[in-house]
Amino acid sequence: MADADDRAAWENLDLGYTQTFGDPLLRKAIAETFEHVEAED
C-alpha cells in the first residue's frame, strides 16, 4: 500500500535512533487526519 517515497524509505531504512517526538513524516500523516492539528502538535 506504500507510495513510492514510503517504499523507498522502508527499503533503505537505517536502524538508528529516531526523534523523541516521532518521525516528522509520520507526525505529518497523523496531523492530516485532523482539521486543526499540525505535525508539531
PDB file of all heavy atoms in Angstrom:
ATOM      1  N   MET A   1       0.811  -1.221   0.000  1.00  0.00           N
ATOM      2  CA  MET A   1       0.000   0.000   0.000  1.00  0.00           C
ATOM      3  C   MET A   1       0.844   1.270   0.000  1.00  0.00           C
ATOM      4  O   MET A   1       0.298   2.370  -0.122  1.00  0.00           O
ATOM      5  CB  MET A   1      -0.924   0.019   1.228  1.00  0.00           C
ATOM      6  CG  MET A   1      -1.909  -1.119   1.299  1.00  0.00           C
ATOM      7  SD  MET A   1      -2.935  -1.024   2.801  1.00  0.00           S
ATOM      8  CE  MET A   1      -3.673  -2.658   2.796  1.00  0.00           C
ATOM      9  N   ALA A   2       2.149   1.132   0.148  1.00  0.00           N
ATOM     10  CA  ALA A   2       3.027   2.298   0.258  1.00  0.00           C
ATOM     11  C   ALA A   2       3.135   3.045  -1.065  1.00  0.00           C
ATOM     12  O   ALA A   2       3.130   2.435  -2.140  1.00  0.00           O
ATOM     13  CB  ALA A   2       4.413   1.865   0.718  1.00  0.00           C
ATOM     14  N   ASP A   3       3.265   4.375  -0.964  1.00  0.00           N
ATOM     15  CA  ASP A   3       3.589   5.141  -2.163  1.00  0.00           C
ATOM     16  C   ASP A   3       5.092   4.998  -2.433  1.00  0.00           C
ATOM     17  O   ASP A   3       5.825   4.352  -1.666  1.00  0.00           O
ATOM     18  CB  ASP A   3       3.177   6.606  -2.012  1.00  0.00           C
ATOM     19  CG  ASP A   3       3.824   7.322  -0.835  1.00  0.00           C
ATOM     20  OD1 ASP A   3       4.952   6.945  -0.443  1.00  0.00           O
ATOM     21  OD2 ASP A   3       3.218   8.278  -0.296  1.00  0.00           O
ATOM     22  N   ALA A   4       5.559   5.571  -3.510  1.00  0.00           N
ATOM     23  CA  ALA A   4       6.960   5.375  -3.926  1.00  0.00           C
ATOM     24  C   ALA A   4       7.931   5.865  -2.864  1.00  0.00           C
ATOM     25  O   ALA A   4       8.944   5.206  -2.583  1.00  0.00           O
ATOM     26  CB  ALA A   4       7.206   6.087  -5.253  1.00  0.00           C
ATOM     27  N   ASP A   5       7.653   7.014  -2.263  1.00  0.00           N
ATOM     28  CA  ASP A   5       8.564   7.564  -1.251  1.00  0.00           C
ATOM     29  C   ASP A   5       8.634   6.679  -0.015  1.00  0.00           C
ATOM     30  O   ASP A   5       9.728   6.431   0.521  1.00  0.00           O
ATOM     31  CB  ASP A   5       8.117   8.975  -0.858  1.00  0.00           C
ATOM     32  CG  ASP A   5       8.352   9.987  -1.965  1.00  0.00           C
ATOM     33  OD1 ASP A   5       9.153   9.709  -2.881  1.00  0.00           O
ATOM     34  OD2 ASP A   5       7.724  11.066  -1.909  1.00  0.00           O
ATOM     35  N   ASP A   6       7.479   6.202   0.453  1.00  0.00           N
ATOM     36  CA  ASP A   6       7.476   5.374   1.660  1.00  0.00           C
ATOM     37  C   ASP A   6       8.064   3.990   1.387  1.00  0.00           C
ATOM     38  O   ASP A   6       8.712   3.397   2.255  1.00  0.00           O
ATOM     39  CB  ASP A   6       6.059   5.249   2.215  1.00  0.00           C
ATOM     40  CG  ASP A   6       5.592   6.541   2.861  1.00  0.00           C
ATOM     41  OD1 ASP A   6       6.450   7.373   3.200  1.00  0.00           O
ATOM     42  OD2 ASP A   6       4.364   6.720   3.019  1.00  0.00           O
ATOM     43  N   ARG A   7       7.874   3.468   0.189  1.00  0.00           N
ATOM     44  CA  ARG A   7       8.504   2.183  -0.137  1.00  0.00           C
ATOM     45  C   ARG A   7      10.027   2.333  -0.151  1.00  0.00           C
ATOM     46  O   ARG A   7      10.758   1.482   0.380  1.00  0.00           O
ATOM     47  CB  ARG A   7       8.022   1.668  -1.499  1.00  0.00           C
ATOM     48  CG  ARG A   7       8.652   0.323  -1.894  1.00  0.00           C
ATOM     49  CD  ARG A   7       8.090  -0.166  -3.203  1.00  0.00           C
ATOM     50  NE  ARG A   7       6.719  -0.602  -3.048  1.00  0.00           N
ATOM     51  CZ  ARG A   7       6.371  -1.811  -2.636  1.00  0.00           C
ATOM     52  NH1 ARG A   7       7.295  -2.709  -2.334  1.00  0.00           N
ATOM     53  NH2 ARG A   7       5.099  -2.140  -2.548  1.00  0.00           N
ATOM     54  N   ALA A   8      10.512   3.427  -0.704  1.00  0.00           N
ATOM     55  CA  ALA A   8      11.960   3.665  -0.706  1.00  0.00           C
ATOM     56  C   ALA A   8      12.478   3.846   0.712  1.00  0.00           C
ATOM     57  O   ALA A   8      13.562   3.343   1.070  1.00  0.00           O
ATOM     58  CB  ALA A   8      12.281   4.896  -1.557  1.00  0.00           C
ATOM     59  N   ALA A   9      11.707   4.550   1.544  1.00  0.00           N
ATOM     60  CA  ALA A   9      12.107   4.743   2.936  1.00  0.00           C
ATOM     61  C   ALA A   9      12.190   3.414   3.665  1.00  0.00           C
ATOM     62  O   ALA A   9      13.104   3.181   4.464  1.00  0.00           O
ATOM     63  CB  ALA A   9      11.128   5.677   3.631  1.00  0.00           C
ATOM     64  N   TRP A  10      11.231   2.523   3.386  1.00  0.00           N
ATOM     65  CA  TRP A  10      11.224   1.203   4.023  1.00  0.00           C
ATOM     66  C   TRP A  10      12.413   0.362   3.563  1.00  0.00           C
ATOM     67  O   TRP A  10      13.096  -0.256   4.372  1.00  0.00           O
ATOM     68  CB  TRP A  10       9.915   0.493   3.703  1.00  0.00           C
ATOM     69  CG  TRP A  10       9.851  -0.931   4.174  1.00  0.00           C
ATOM     70  CD1 TRP A  10       9.829  -2.045   3.408  1.00  0.00           C
ATOM     71  CD2 TRP A  10       9.814  -1.367   5.531  1.00  0.00           C
ATOM     72  NE1 TRP A  10       9.780  -3.166   4.188  1.00  0.00           N
ATOM     73  CE2 TRP A  10       9.766  -2.783   5.501  1.00  0.00           C
ATOM     74  CE3 TRP A  10       9.816  -0.724   6.767  1.00  0.00           C
ATOM     75  CZ2 TRP A  10       9.724  -3.543   6.668  1.00  0.00           C
ATOM     76  CZ3 TRP A  10       9.774  -1.481   7.924  1.00  0.00           C
ATOM     77  CH2 TRP A  10       9.734  -2.879   7.871  1.00  0.00           C
ATOM     78  N   GLU A  11      12.678   0.376   2.277  1.00  0.00           N
ATOM     79  CA  GLU A  11      13.734  -0.481   1.742  1.00  0.00           C
ATOM     80  C   GLU A  11      15.129   0.018   2.096  1.00  0.00           C
ATOM     81  O   GLU A  11      16.080  -0.770   2.130  1.00  0.00           O
ATOM     82  CB  GLU A  11      13.577  -0.586   0.224  1.00  0.00           C
ATOM     83  CG  GLU A  11      12.312  -1.335  -0.194  1.00  0.00           C
ATOM     84  CD  GLU A  11      12.080  -1.314  -1.691  1.00  0.00           C
ATOM     85  OE1 GLU A  11      12.786  -0.548  -2.395  1.00  0.00           O
ATOM     86  OE2 GLU A  11      11.180  -2.055  -2.164  1.00  0.00           O
ATOM     87  N   ASN A  12      15.272   1.312   2.365  1.00  0.00           N
ATOM     88  CA  ASN A  12      16.589   1.883   2.641  1.00  0.00           C
ATOM     89  C   ASN A  12      16.720   2.399   4.070  1.00  0.00           C
ATOM     90  O   ASN A  12      17.608   3.207   4.370  1.00  0.00           O
ATOM     91  CB  ASN A  12      16.861   3.040   1.666  1.00  0.00           C
ATOM     92  CG  ASN A  12      16.844   2.572   0.219  1.00  0.00           C
ATOM     93  OD1 ASN A  12      17.728   1.830  -0.210  1.00  0.00           O
ATOM     94  ND2 ASN A  12      15.839   3.004  -0.529  1.00  0.00           N
ATOM     95  N   LEU A  13      15.888   1.894   4.960  1.00  0.00           N
ATOM     96  CA  LEU A  13      15.830   2.403   6.320  1.00  0.00           C
ATOM     97  C   LEU A  13      17.110   2.108   7.088  1.00  0.00           C
ATOM     98  O   LEU A  13      17.594   0.972   7.105  1.00  0.00           O
ATOM     99  CB  LEU A  13      14.630   1.772   7.045  1.00  0.00           C
ATOM    100  CG  LEU A  13      14.396   2.208   8.487  1.00  0.00           C
ATOM    101  CD1 LEU A  13      14.039   3.687   8.540  1.00  0.00           C
ATOM    102  CD2 LEU A  13      13.304   1.352   9.124  1.00  0.00           C
ATOM    103  N   ASP A  14      17.663   3.134   7.719  1.00  0.00           N
ATOM    104  CA  ASP A  14      18.773   2.960   8.657  1.00  0.00           C
ATOM    105  C   ASP A  14      18.200   2.721  10.044  1.00  0.00           C
ATOM    106  O   ASP A  14      17.322   3.466  10.503  1.00  0.00           O
ATOM    107  CB  ASP A  14      19.659   4.208   8.687  1.00  0.00           C
ATOM    108  CG  ASP A  14      20.442   4.386   7.403  1.00  0.00           C
ATOM    109  OD1 ASP A  14      20.887   3.362   6.841  1.00  0.00           O
ATOM    110  OD2 ASP A  14      20.603   5.539   6.968  1.00  0.00           O
ATOM    111  N   LEU A  15      18.700   1.701  10.738  1.00  0.00           N
ATOM    112  CA  LEU A  15      18.137   1.317  12.029  1.00  0.00           C
ATOM    113  C   LEU A  15      18.811   2.055  13.181  1.00  0.00           C
ATOM    114  O   LEU A  15      19.346   1.456  14.113  1.00  0.00           O
ATOM    115  CB  LEU A  15      18.209  -0.195  12.201  1.00  0.00           C
ATOM    116  CG  LEU A  15      17.377  -0.985  11.185  1.00  0.00           C
ATOM    117  CD1 LEU A  15      17.577  -2.476  11.350  1.00  0.00           C
ATOM    118  CD2 LEU A  15      15.906  -0.617  11.310  1.00  0.00           C
ATOM    119  N   GLY A  16      18.772   3.355  13.116  1.00  0.00           N
ATOM    120  CA  GLY A  16      19.291   4.182  14.193  1.00  0.00           C
ATOM    121  C   GLY A  16      18.165   4.705  15.059  1.00  0.00           C
ATOM    122  O   GLY A  16      16.996   4.358  14.892  1.00  0.00           O
ATOM    123  N   TYR A  17      18.553   5.563  16.005  1.00  0.00           N
ATOM    124  CA  TYR A  17      17.541   6.211  16.844  1.00  0.00           C
ATOM    125  C   TYR A  17      16.661   7.126  15.997  1.00  0.00           C
ATOM    126  O   TYR A  17      17.079   7.640  14.953  1.00  0.00           O
ATOM    127  CB  TYR A  17      18.204   7.055  17.934  1.00  0.00           C
ATOM    128  CG  TYR A  17      18.812   6.265  19.055  1.00  0.00           C
ATOM    129  CD1 TYR A  17      20.194   6.151  19.189  1.00  0.00           C
ATOM    130  CD2 TYR A  17      18.003   5.653  20.012  1.00  0.00           C
ATOM    131  CE1 TYR A  17      20.761   5.436  20.233  1.00  0.00           C
ATOM    132  CE2 TYR A  17      18.559   4.933  21.057  1.00  0.00           C
ATOM    133  CZ  TYR A  17      19.940   4.828  21.171  1.00  0.00           C
ATOM    134  OH  TYR A  17      20.490   4.128  22.201  1.00  0.00           O
ATOM    135  N   THR A  18      15.443   7.350  16.468  1.00  0.00           N
ATOM    136  CA  THR A  18      14.550   8.308  15.837  1.00  0.00           C
ATOM    137  C   THR A  18      14.268   9.445  16.819  1.00  0.00           C
ATOM    138  O   THR A  18      14.704   9.407  17.969  1.00  0.00           O
ATOM    139  CB  THR A  18      13.228   7.645  15.421  1.00  0.00           C
ATOM    140  OG1 THR A  18      12.557   7.148  16.591  1.00  0.00           O
ATOM    141  CG2 THR A  18      13.496   6.490  14.476  1.00  0.00           C
ATOM    142  N   GLN A  19      13.553  10.445  16.359  1.00  0.00           N
ATOM    143  CA  GLN A  19      13.281  11.606  17.200  1.00  0.00           C
ATOM    144  C   GLN A  19      12.281  11.259  18.310  1.00  0.00           C
ATOM    145  O   GLN A  19      11.355  10.478  18.100  1.00  0.00           O
ATOM    146  CB  GLN A  19      12.726  12.745  16.358  1.00  0.00           C
ATOM    147  CG  GLN A  19      13.687  13.246  15.289  1.00  0.00           C
ATOM    148  CD  GLN A  19      13.104  14.412  14.501  1.00  0.00           C
ATOM    149  OE1 GLN A  19      12.330  15.201  15.014  1.00  0.00           O
ATOM    150  NE2 GLN A  19      13.494  14.507  13.231  1.00  0.00           N
ATOM    151  N   THR A  20      12.460  11.854  19.486  1.00  0.00           N
ATOM    152  CA  THR A  20      11.567  11.571  20.609  1.00  0.00           C
ATOM    153  C   THR A  20      10.129  11.924  20.268  1.00  0.00           C
ATOM    154  O   THR A  20       9.198  11.179  20.605  1.00  0.00           O
ATOM    155  CB  THR A  20      12.025  12.335  21.863  1.00  0.00           C
ATOM    156  OG1 THR A  20      13.347  11.921  22.209  1.00  0.00           O
ATOM    157  CG2 THR A  20      11.099  12.056  23.043  1.00  0.00           C
ATOM    158  N   PHE A  21       9.906  13.037  19.600  1.00  0.00           N
ATOM    159  CA  PHE A  21       8.552  13.415  19.221  1.00  0.00           C
ATOM    160  C   PHE A  21       7.978  12.482  18.160  1.00  0.00           C
ATOM    161  O   PHE A  21       6.765  12.407  17.982  1.00  0.00           O
ATOM    162  CB  PHE A  21       8.522  14.859  18.693  1.00  0.00           C
ATOM    163  CG  PHE A  21       8.228  15.880  19.747  1.00  0.00           C
ATOM    164  CD1 PHE A  21       9.245  16.670  20.268  1.00  0.00           C
ATOM    165  CD2 PHE A  21       6.946  16.060  20.228  1.00  0.00           C
ATOM    166  CE1 PHE A  21       8.975  17.622  21.240  1.00  0.00           C
ATOM    167  CE2 PHE A  21       6.661  17.015  21.198  1.00  0.00           C
ATOM    168  CZ  PHE A  21       7.677  17.799  21.708  1.00  0.00           C
ATOM    169  N   GLY A  22       8.843  11.763  17.462  1.00  0.00           N
ATOM    170  CA  GLY A  22       8.394  10.872  16.408  1.00  0.00           C
ATOM    171  C   GLY A  22       8.897  11.318  15.049  1.00  0.00           C
ATOM    172  O   GLY A  22       9.282  12.468  14.849  1.00  0.00           O
ATOM    173  N   ASP A  23       8.884  10.408  14.107  1.00  0.00           N
ATOM    174  CA  ASP A  23       9.281  10.691  12.735  1.00  0.00           C
ATOM    175  C   ASP A  23       8.452  11.859  12.187  1.00  0.00           C
ATOM    176  O   ASP A  23       7.216  11.821  12.231  1.00  0.00           O
ATOM    177  CB  ASP A  23       9.057   9.432  11.893  1.00  0.00           C
ATOM    178  CG  ASP A  23       9.099   9.708  10.401  1.00  0.00           C
ATOM    179  OD1 ASP A  23      10.067  10.339   9.955  1.00  0.00           O
ATOM    180  OD2 ASP A  23       8.149   9.294   9.701  1.00  0.00           O
ATOM    181  N   PRO A  24       9.089  12.910  11.670  1.00  0.00           N
ATOM    182  CA  PRO A  24       8.333  14.069  11.185  1.00  0.00           C
ATOM    183  C   PRO A  24       7.293  13.724  10.127  1.00  0.00           C
ATOM    184  O   PRO A  24       6.193  14.301  10.118  1.00  0.00           O
ATOM    185  CB  PRO A  24       9.428  14.983  10.616  1.00  0.00           C
ATOM    186  CG  PRO A  24      10.657  14.623  11.389  1.00  0.00           C
ATOM    187  CD  PRO A  24      10.546  13.150  11.626  1.00  0.00           C
ATOM    188  N   LEU A  25       7.607  12.796   9.233  1.00  0.00           N
ATOM    189  CA  LEU A  25       6.640  12.439   8.196  1.00  0.00           C
ATOM    190  C   LEU A  25       5.462  11.637   8.762  1.00  0.00           C
ATOM    191  O   LEU A  25       4.341  11.743   8.272  1.00  0.00           O
ATOM    192  CB  LEU A  25       7.330  11.660   7.081  1.00  0.00           C
ATOM    193  CG  LEU A  25       8.346  12.466   6.263  1.00  0.00           C
ATOM    194  CD1 LEU A  25       9.017  11.567   5.217  1.00  0.00           C
ATOM    195  CD2 LEU A  25       7.685  13.663   5.581  1.00  0.00           C
ATOM    196  N   LEU A  26       5.719  10.846   9.803  1.00  0.00           N
ATOM    197  CA  LEU A  26       4.631  10.148  10.478  1.00  0.00           C
ATOM    198  C   LEU A  26       3.730  11.152  11.190  1.00  0.00           C
ATOM    199  O   LEU A  26       2.499  11.074  11.113  1.00  0.00           O
ATOM    200  CB  LEU A  26       5.189   9.130  11.476  1.00  0.00           C
ATOM    201  CG  LEU A  26       4.163   8.463  12.399  1.00  0.00           C
ATOM    202  CD1 LEU A  26       3.091   7.726  11.605  1.00  0.00           C
ATOM    203  CD2 LEU A  26       4.866   7.509  13.376  1.00  0.00           C
ATOM    204  N   ARG A  27       4.318  12.102  11.871  1.00  0.00           N
ATOM    205  CA  ARG A  27       3.534  13.128  12.572  1.00  0.00           C
ATOM    206  C   ARG A  27       2.705  13.945  11.571  1.00  0.00           C
ATOM    207  O   ARG A  27       1.561  14.300  11.849  1.00  0.00           O
ATOM    208  CB  ARG A  27       4.461  14.027  13.384  1.00  0.00           C
ATOM    209  CG  ARG A  27       5.166  13.287  14.519  1.00  0.00           C
ATOM    210  CD  ARG A  27       6.305  14.118  15.083  1.00  0.00           C
ATOM    211  NE  ARG A  27       5.814  15.292  15.791  1.00  0.00           N
ATOM    212  CZ  ARG A  27       6.561  16.368  16.029  1.00  0.00           C
ATOM    213  NH1 ARG A  27       7.813  16.433  15.574  1.00  0.00           N
ATOM    214  NH2 ARG A  27       6.052  17.389  16.702  1.00  0.00           N
ATOM    215  N   LYS A  28       3.280  14.189  10.416  1.00  0.00           N
ATOM    216  CA  LYS A  28       2.533  14.915   9.376  1.00  0.00           C
ATOM    217  C   LYS A  28       1.340  14.095   8.905  1.00  0.00           C
ATOM    218  O   LYS A  28       0.230  14.629   8.721  1.00  0.00           O
ATOM    219  CB  LYS A  28       3.468  15.230   8.212  1.00  0.00           C
ATOM    220  CG  LYS A  28       2.819  15.995   7.048  1.00  0.00           C
ATOM    221  CD  LYS A  28       3.866  16.335   5.986  1.00  0.00           C
ATOM    222  CE  LYS A  28       3.264  17.172   4.849  1.00  0.00           C
ATOM    223  NZ  LYS A  28       2.319  16.390   4.043  1.00  0.00           N
ATOM    224  N   ALA A  29       1.557  12.792   8.697  1.00  0.00           N
ATOM    225  CA  ALA A  29       0.460  11.922   8.248  1.00  0.00           C
ATOM    226  C   ALA A  29      -0.647  11.864   9.292  1.00  0.00           C
ATOM    227  O   ALA A  29      -1.841  11.904   8.955  1.00  0.00           O
ATOM    228  CB  ALA A  29       0.995  10.519   7.957  1.00  0.00           C
ATOM    229  N   ILE A  30      -0.278  11.788  10.578  1.00  0.00           N
ATOM    230  CA  ILE A  30      -1.276  11.779  11.650  1.00  0.00           C
ATOM    231  C   ILE A  30      -2.037  13.100  11.668  1.00  0.00           C
ATOM    232  O   ILE A  30      -3.273  13.130  11.755  1.00  0.00           O
ATOM    233  CB  ILE A  30      -0.605  11.517  13.013  1.00  0.00           C
ATOM    234  CG1 ILE A  30      -0.037  10.091  13.064  1.00  0.00           C
ATOM    235  CG2 ILE A  30      -1.599  11.744  14.153  1.00  0.00           C
ATOM    236  CD1 ILE A  30       0.887   9.837  14.239  1.00  0.00           C
ATOM    237  N   ALA A  31      -1.303  14.210  11.577  1.00  0.00           N
ATOM    238  CA  ALA A  31      -1.938  15.535  11.621  1.00  0.00           C
ATOM    239  C   ALA A  31      -2.935  15.715  10.491  1.00  0.00           C
ATOM    240  O   ALA A  31      -3.957  16.411  10.653  1.00  0.00           O
ATOM    241  CB  ALA A  31      -0.872  16.625  11.572  1.00  0.00           C
ATOM    242  N   GLU A  32      -2.683  15.097   9.362  1.00  0.00           N
ATOM    243  CA  GLU A  32      -3.581  15.244   8.221  1.00  0.00           C
ATOM    244  C   GLU A  32      -4.918  14.534   8.412  1.00  0.00           C
ATOM    245  O   GLU A  32      -5.847  14.737   7.630  1.00  0.00           O
ATOM    246  CB  GLU A  32      -2.883  14.754   6.947  1.00  0.00           C
ATOM    247  CG  GLU A  32      -1.793  15.725   6.482  1.00  0.00           C
ATOM    248  CD  GLU A  32      -0.995  15.223   5.302  1.00  0.00           C
ATOM    249  OE1 GLU A  32      -1.159  14.033   4.936  1.00  0.00           O
ATOM    250  OE2 GLU A  32      -0.177  15.997   4.760  1.00  0.00           O
ATOM    251  N   THR A  33      -5.041  13.724   9.462  1.00  0.00           N
ATOM    252  CA  THR A  33      -6.330  13.120   9.790  1.00  0.00           C
ATOM    253  C   THR A  33      -7.181  14.069  10.637  1.00  0.00           C
ATOM    254  O   THR A  33      -8.337  13.751  10.933  1.00  0.00           O
ATOM    255  CB  THR A  33      -6.154  11.785  10.536  1.00  0.00           C
ATOM    256  OG1 THR A  33      -5.658  12.025  11.861  1.00  0.00           O
ATOM    257  CG2 THR A  33      -5.212  10.861   9.792  1.00  0.00           C
ATOM    258  N   PHE A  34      -6.621  15.205  11.050  1.00  0.00           N
ATOM    259  CA  PHE A  34      -7.327  16.220  11.832  1.00  0.00           C
ATOM    260  C   PHE A  34      -7.645  17.417  10.934  1.00  0.00           C
ATOM    261  O   PHE A  34      -7.115  17.551   9.834  1.00  0.00           O
ATOM    262  CB  PHE A  34      -6.458  16.705  12.996  1.00  0.00           C
ATOM    263  CG  PHE A  34      -6.246  15.700  14.095  1.00  0.00           C
ATOM    264  CD1 PHE A  34      -5.322  14.672  13.952  1.00  0.00           C
ATOM    265  CD2 PHE A  34      -6.946  15.796  15.288  1.00  0.00           C
ATOM    266  CE1 PHE A  34      -5.119  13.747  14.966  1.00  0.00           C
ATOM    267  CE2 PHE A  34      -6.744  14.886  16.307  1.00  0.00           C
ATOM    268  CZ  PHE A  34      -5.832  13.858  16.146  1.00  0.00           C
ATOM    269  N   GLU A  35      -8.464  18.335  11.446  1.00  0.00           N
ATOM    270  CA  GLU A  35      -8.770  19.565  10.729  1.00  0.00           C
ATOM    271  C   GLU A  35      -7.894  20.726  11.178  1.00  0.00           C
ATOM    272  O   GLU A  35      -7.531  21.586  10.371  1.00  0.00           O
ATOM    273  CB  GLU A  35     -10.250  19.932  10.922  1.00  0.00           C
ATOM    274  CG  GLU A  35     -11.213  18.977  10.235  1.00  0.00           C
ATOM    275  CD  GLU A  35     -12.649  19.454  10.332  1.00  0.00           C
ATOM    276  OE1 GLU A  35     -12.864  20.627  10.724  1.00  0.00           O
ATOM    277  OE2 GLU A  35     -13.561  18.669  10.028  1.00  0.00           O
ATOM    278  N   HIS A  36      -7.561  20.769  12.480  1.00  0.00           N
ATOM    279  CA  HIS A  36      -6.871  21.939  13.021  1.00  0.00           C
ATOM    280  C   HIS A  36      -5.552  21.598  13.713  1.00  0.00           C
ATOM    281  O   HIS A  36      -4.996  22.438  14.408  1.00  0.00           O
ATOM    282  CB  HIS A  36      -7.783  22.676  14.007  1.00  0.00           C
ATOM    283  CG  HIS A  36      -9.090  23.091  13.414  1.00  0.00           C
ATOM    284  ND1 HIS A  36      -9.186  23.998  12.371  1.00  0.00           N
ATOM    285  CD2 HIS A  36     -10.366  22.705  13.707  1.00  0.00           C
ATOM    286  CE1 HIS A  36     -10.456  24.164  12.055  1.00  0.00           C
ATOM    287  NE2 HIS A  36     -11.194  23.381  12.831  1.00  0.00           N
ATOM    288  N   VAL A  37      -5.072  20.393  13.532  1.00  0.00           N
ATOM    289  CA  VAL A  37      -3.831  19.930  14.158  1.00  0.00           C
ATOM    290  C   VAL A  37      -2.720  19.920  13.128  1.00  0.00           C
ATOM    291  O   VAL A  37      -2.914  19.456  12.000  1.00  0.00           O
ATOM    292  CB  VAL A  37      -4.026  18.525  14.770  1.00  0.00           C
ATOM    293  CG1 VAL A  37      -2.700  17.876  15.129  1.00  0.00           C
ATOM    294  CG2 VAL A  37      -4.936  18.604  15.999  1.00  0.00           C
ATOM    295  N   GLU A  38      -1.548  20.420  13.528  1.00  0.00           N
ATOM    296  CA  GLU A  38      -0.365  20.387  12.672  1.00  0.00           C
ATOM    297  C   GLU A  38       0.592  19.300  13.148  1.00  0.00           C
ATOM    298  O   GLU A  38       0.455  18.785  14.259  1.00  0.00           O
ATOM    299  CB  GLU A  38       0.343  21.752  12.690  1.00  0.00           C
ATOM    300  CG  GLU A  38      -0.531  22.927  12.293  1.00  0.00           C
ATOM    301  CD  GLU A  38      -0.992  22.857  10.854  1.00  0.00           C
ATOM    302  OE1 GLU A  38      -0.289  22.225  10.033  1.00  0.00           O
ATOM    303  OE2 GLU A  38      -2.053  23.430  10.550  1.00  0.00           O
ATOM    304  N   ALA A  39       1.567  18.980  12.331  1.00  0.00           N
ATOM    305  CA  ALA A  39       2.534  17.942  12.696  1.00  0.00           C
ATOM    306  C   ALA A  39       3.215  18.247  14.020  1.00  0.00           C
ATOM    307  O   ALA A  39       3.487  17.338  14.817  1.00  0.00           O
ATOM    308  CB  ALA A  39       3.567  17.779  11.582  1.00  0.00           C
ATOM    309  N   GLU A  40       3.474  19.521  14.291  1.00  0.00           N
ATOM    310  CA  GLU A  40       4.159  19.900  15.527  1.00  0.00           C
ATOM    311  C   GLU A  40       3.282  19.709  16.758  1.00  0.00           C
ATOM    312  O   GLU A  40       3.766  19.815  17.892  1.00  0.00           O
ATOM    313  CB  GLU A  40       4.599  21.356  15.443  1.00  0.00           C
ATOM    314  CG  GLU A  40       3.457  22.347  15.313  1.00  0.00           C
ATOM    315  CD  GLU A  40       3.928  23.771  15.103  1.00  0.00           C
ATOM    316  OE1 GLU A  40       5.104  23.956  14.728  1.00  0.00           O
ATOM    317  OE2 GLU A  40       3.126  24.687  15.319  1.00  0.00           O
ATOM    318  N   ASP A  41       2.003  19.391  16.567  1.00  0.00           N
ATOM    319  CA  ASP A  41       1.085  19.158  17.672  1.00  0.00           C
ATOM    320  C   ASP A  41       0.968  17.680  18.029  1.00  0.00           C
ATOM    321  O   ASP A  41       0.107  17.310  18.837  1.00  0.00           O
ATOM    322  CB  ASP A  41      -0.315  19.681  17.315  1.00  0.00           C
ATOM    323  CG  ASP A  41      -0.329  21.160  16.975  1.00  0.00           C
ATOM    324  OD1 ASP A  41       0.423  21.918  17.622  1.00  0.00           O
ATOM    325  OD2 ASP A  41      -1.077  21.549  16.055  1.00  0.00           O
TER     326      ASP A  41
END
